[in-house]
Protein backbone atom coordinates (compact mmCIF):
# COMPACT_ATOMS: atom_id res chain seq x y z
CA MET A 1 -0.21 -0.03 -0.09
CA ALA A 2 1.57 2.90 -1.50
CA GLU A 3 1.93 5.65 1.80
CA LYS A 4 0.60 9.41 1.22
CA LYS A 5 3.00 11.92 1.08
CA LYS A 6 3.49 14.09 3.87
CA LYS A 7 2.90 18.02 3.29
CA LYS A 8 6.48 19.53 4.11
CA ARG A 9 7.07 22.40 6.19
CA ARG A 10 8.66 24.29 3.51
CA ALA A 11 7.44 22.53 0.49
CA TYR A 12 7.06 25.70 -1.55
CA LEU A 13 11.30 25.94 -1.64
CA ASP A 14 11.31 23.42 -3.76
CA ALA A 15 9.60 25.88 -6.69
CA PHE A 16 12.64 28.00 -6.64
CA GLN A 17 15.30 26.26 -8.93
CA LYS A 18 19.02 27.01 -9.76
CA ASP A 19 19.05 28.70 -13.33
CA GLU A 20 22.31 28.55 -14.94
CA LYS A 21 24.34 31.40 -13.72
CA GLY A 22 23.51 29.37 -9.87
CA LYS A 23 20.58 31.68 -9.43
CA TYR A 24 17.27 31.38 -7.99
CA GLU A 25 14.19 31.53 -9.91
CA TYR A 26 10.48 30.95 -9.20
CA ARG A 27 9.29 28.54 -11.46
CA GLY A 28 5.70 27.81 -9.14
CA ASP A 29 2.46 27.92 -10.24
CA PHE A 30 0.59 31.88 -10.27
CA TYR A 31 -2.62 33.40 -9.60
CA ILE A 32 -3.57 35.95 -12.44
CA TRP A 33 -6.53 38.66 -11.32
CA GLN A 34 -9.79 37.84 -13.09
CA ASN A 35 -12.18 40.22 -11.64
CA GLU A 36 -13.19 42.72 -14.73
CA GLY A 37 -14.30 45.85 -13.07
CA THR A 38 -12.13 46.05 -10.53
CA GLU A 39 -8.48 46.80 -10.28
CA LEU A 40 -6.40 44.81 -8.16
CA ARG A 41 -5.15 48.00 -6.43
CA GLN A 42 -9.02 49.55 -5.88
CA GLU A 43 -9.28 46.20 -4.64
CA LEU A 44 -6.71 46.06 -1.97
CA LEU A 45 -7.42 49.68 -0.81
CA ARG A 46 -10.49 48.78 -0.26
CA LEU A 47 -9.11 45.67 2.20
CA TRP A 48 -6.54 47.48 3.76
CA ALA A 49 -9.56 50.29 4.58
CA ALA A 50 -11.34 47.91 6.36
CA CYS A 51 -8.08 45.73 8.29
CA ALA A 52 -7.96 49.73 9.60
CA VAL A 53 -11.00 49.76 10.24
CA MET A 54 -10.77 46.50 12.14
CA MET A 55 -8.20 47.10 13.46
CA ALA A 56 -8.51 50.52 15.24
CA SER A 57 -11.49 49.53 16.75
CA LEU A 58 -10.47 46.49 18.47
CA ILE A 59 -7.63 48.73 19.32
CA ALA A 60 -10.42 51.58 21.12
CA ALA A 61 -12.53 48.75 22.77
CA GLY A 62 -9.12 47.76 24.59
CA CYS A 63 -8.78 50.94 25.88
CA VAL A 64 -12.44 51.34 26.74
CA ASN A 65 -13.35 52.01 30.87
CA ALA A 66 -16.65 49.21 30.47
CA PRO A 67 -17.60 46.98 32.94
CA GLY A 68 -16.23 43.74 33.34
CA ALA A 69 -13.47 44.50 30.68
CA VAL A 70 -10.27 44.95 32.91
CA ASN A 71 -11.46 40.93 35.19
CA CYS A 72 -14.61 39.83 33.36
CA ALA A 73 -12.29 35.81 31.81
CA TYR A 74 -15.62 35.51 29.29
CA VAL A 75 -14.68 39.82 28.21
CA LEU A 76 -10.99 39.71 28.25
CA ILE A 77 -10.51 36.16 26.68
CA PRO A 78 -12.88 36.87 23.23
CA TYR A 79 -11.58 40.08 22.71
CA THR A 80 -8.34 39.07 23.14
CA ILE A 81 -8.15 36.57 20.54
CA SER A 82 -9.93 39.30 18.33
CA PHE A 83 -7.47 41.22 18.46
CA LEU A 84 -4.75 38.58 17.71
CA VAL A 85 -6.40 36.50 15.18
CA GLY A 86 -7.21 40.42 13.45
CA ILE A 87 -3.73 41.09 13.52
CA SER A 88 -3.06 37.42 11.75
CA VAL A 89 -5.74 39.42 9.31
CA CYS A 90 -3.37 42.49 8.39
CA TRP A 91 -0.64 39.89 8.33
CA GLY A 92 -2.25 37.78 5.54
CA MET A 93 -3.34 41.06 3.44
CA HIS A 94 0.28 42.51 3.49
CA ARG A 95 1.07 39.06 2.20
CA LEU A 96 -1.65 39.16 -0.80
CA THR A 97 -0.24 43.18 -0.90
CA ALA A 98 3.46 42.42 -1.18
CA GLY A 99 3.08 38.99 -3.59
CA GLY A 100 2.81 41.69 -6.32
CA HIS A 101 0.48 40.40 -9.03
CA PRO A 102 0.32 37.90 -10.53
CA LEU A 103 -0.01 36.08 -7.08
CA ARG A 104 2.88 33.18 -7.24
CA ALA A 105 1.08 29.84 -5.02
CA TYR A 106 2.40 29.84 -1.90
CA VAL A 107 1.65 33.15 -0.99
CA TYR A 108 -1.81 33.07 -2.85
CA GLN A 109 -1.61 29.90 -0.02
CA ALA A 110 -0.93 31.97 2.81
CA SER A 111 -2.84 34.94 1.75
CA ILE A 112 -6.47 34.19 -0.38
CA ARG A 113 -6.72 31.46 1.05
CA GLN A 114 -6.64 32.02 4.82
CA ILE A 115 -7.37 35.44 5.15
CA PRO A 116 -11.24 34.54 4.92
CA GLY A 117 -11.89 32.20 7.82
CA ARG A 118 -9.43 34.42 9.98
CA ALA A 119 -11.43 37.29 9.00
CA VAL A 120 -14.11 35.24 10.90
CA CYS A 121 -12.28 33.50 13.67
CA THR A 122 -11.99 37.34 14.48
CA ALA A 123 -15.58 38.18 14.16
CA THR A 124 -16.69 35.84 16.08
CA GLY A 125 -14.28 36.62 19.53
CA ALA A 126 -15.55 40.15 19.13
CA GLY A 127 -19.08 38.84 18.96
CA ALA A 128 -18.20 36.57 22.31
CA ALA A 129 -16.83 39.47 23.33
CA ILE A 130 -20.06 41.45 23.24
CA ALA A 131 -22.20 38.72 24.30
CA GLY A 132 -19.89 38.48 28.06
CA GLU A 133 -19.28 41.76 28.30
CA LEU A 134 -24.20 41.81 27.65
CA VAL A 135 -23.53 38.76 30.13
CA TYR A 136 -21.18 40.98 32.76
CA VAL A 137 -24.12 43.40 33.04
CA LEU A 138 -26.81 41.40 33.27
CA ARG A 139 -25.00 39.48 36.31
CA ASN A 140 -23.72 43.05 37.84
CA GLY A 141 -24.74 46.42 36.63
CA MET A 142 -23.06 48.66 34.73
CA GLU A 143 -21.04 49.83 37.89
CA GLU A 144 -21.60 53.11 36.84
CA LYS A 145 -19.72 53.15 33.62
CA THR A 146 -22.66 53.45 30.60
CA ALA A 147 -20.51 55.32 28.31
CA GLY A 148 -17.98 52.41 28.27
CA PHE A 149 -20.81 49.70 27.64
CA ILE A 150 -22.20 51.75 24.89
CA CYS A 151 -18.37 52.29 23.42
CA PHE A 152 -17.36 48.58 24.51
CA ILE A 153 -19.89 47.58 22.09
CA LEU A 154 -20.07 49.82 19.52
CA LEU A 155 -16.79 49.40 18.29
CA GLU A 156 -16.61 45.64 18.87
CA GLY A 157 -20.07 45.34 16.57
CA THR A 158 -17.64 48.28 14.85
CA ALA A 159 -15.04 45.39 14.42
CA LEU A 160 -17.01 42.73 14.19
CA ALA A 161 -18.68 44.20 10.34
CA ALA A 162 -15.19 45.64 9.23
CA ALA A 163 -14.14 41.09 10.00
CA LEU A 164 -17.03 39.72 7.73
CA SER A 165 -16.87 42.64 5.28
CA ILE A 166 -13.27 41.23 4.88
CA ARG A 167 -14.36 37.79 4.32
CA ARG A 168 -17.54 38.68 2.18
CA ARG A 169 -14.51 40.55 -0.24
CA VAL A 170 -11.99 38.14 0.08
CA CYS A 171 -13.81 35.17 -0.73
CA LYS A 172 -15.15 37.36 -4.27
CA MET A 173 -12.11 38.16 -5.76
CA LYS A 174 -11.91 36.15 -8.74
CA TRP A 175 -7.85 34.06 -9.26
CA GLU A 176 -7.32 32.10 -11.80
CA LYS A 177 -4.13 29.87 -11.83
CA GLN A 178 -1.54 29.78 -13.85
CA GLU A 179 0.27 26.78 -15.04
CA LYS A 180 3.90 26.59 -14.66
CA SER A 181 4.17 25.88 -18.37
CA ALA A 182 1.38 27.74 -19.21
CA LYS A 183 3.94 30.70 -17.74
CA GLU A 184 7.01 29.30 -19.13
CA GLU A 185 5.63 28.83 -22.76
CA SER A 186 4.07 33.20 -22.38
CA THR A 187 7.86 34.01 -21.49
CA ASN A 188 9.04 32.31 -24.54
């Protein structure tokens, strides 16, 4: 029985091969932007704007003096998770933006394929933080922090909406895989 080949951690390095001069050259697959009507640059600007709103909201929510946001695990843990995964969304956006056009296959896998899941995790964490805040207030009252409560809920809601917007926009992006043989033929 043939064993399944286990994926290597850095398997994408196999796509880099030495040319006749001894320099490494990428010879793997590429992904080409296919959305008609919008340019890749415009779409990336929209995505970065949503990332900025998401991260600004998460940072501001962490600075608000809301009831339960200082000492309650079921508010702090989801908030922290959403914040950290939000940073991961921004890292994926950085990889996508720095990858250029056409995108190398390993950059596509590390960005386009992973950003939607990370954005959903960010939205889920923000939603759980909102739910935790509501539960805390129902159990313990406002603690004379009504303004902080309202700000926290609004900021986390904004982060949730921005994360879902990022997911939706990235899922709508159309990329076509260009095999390495087709790429080599088009350059010759």
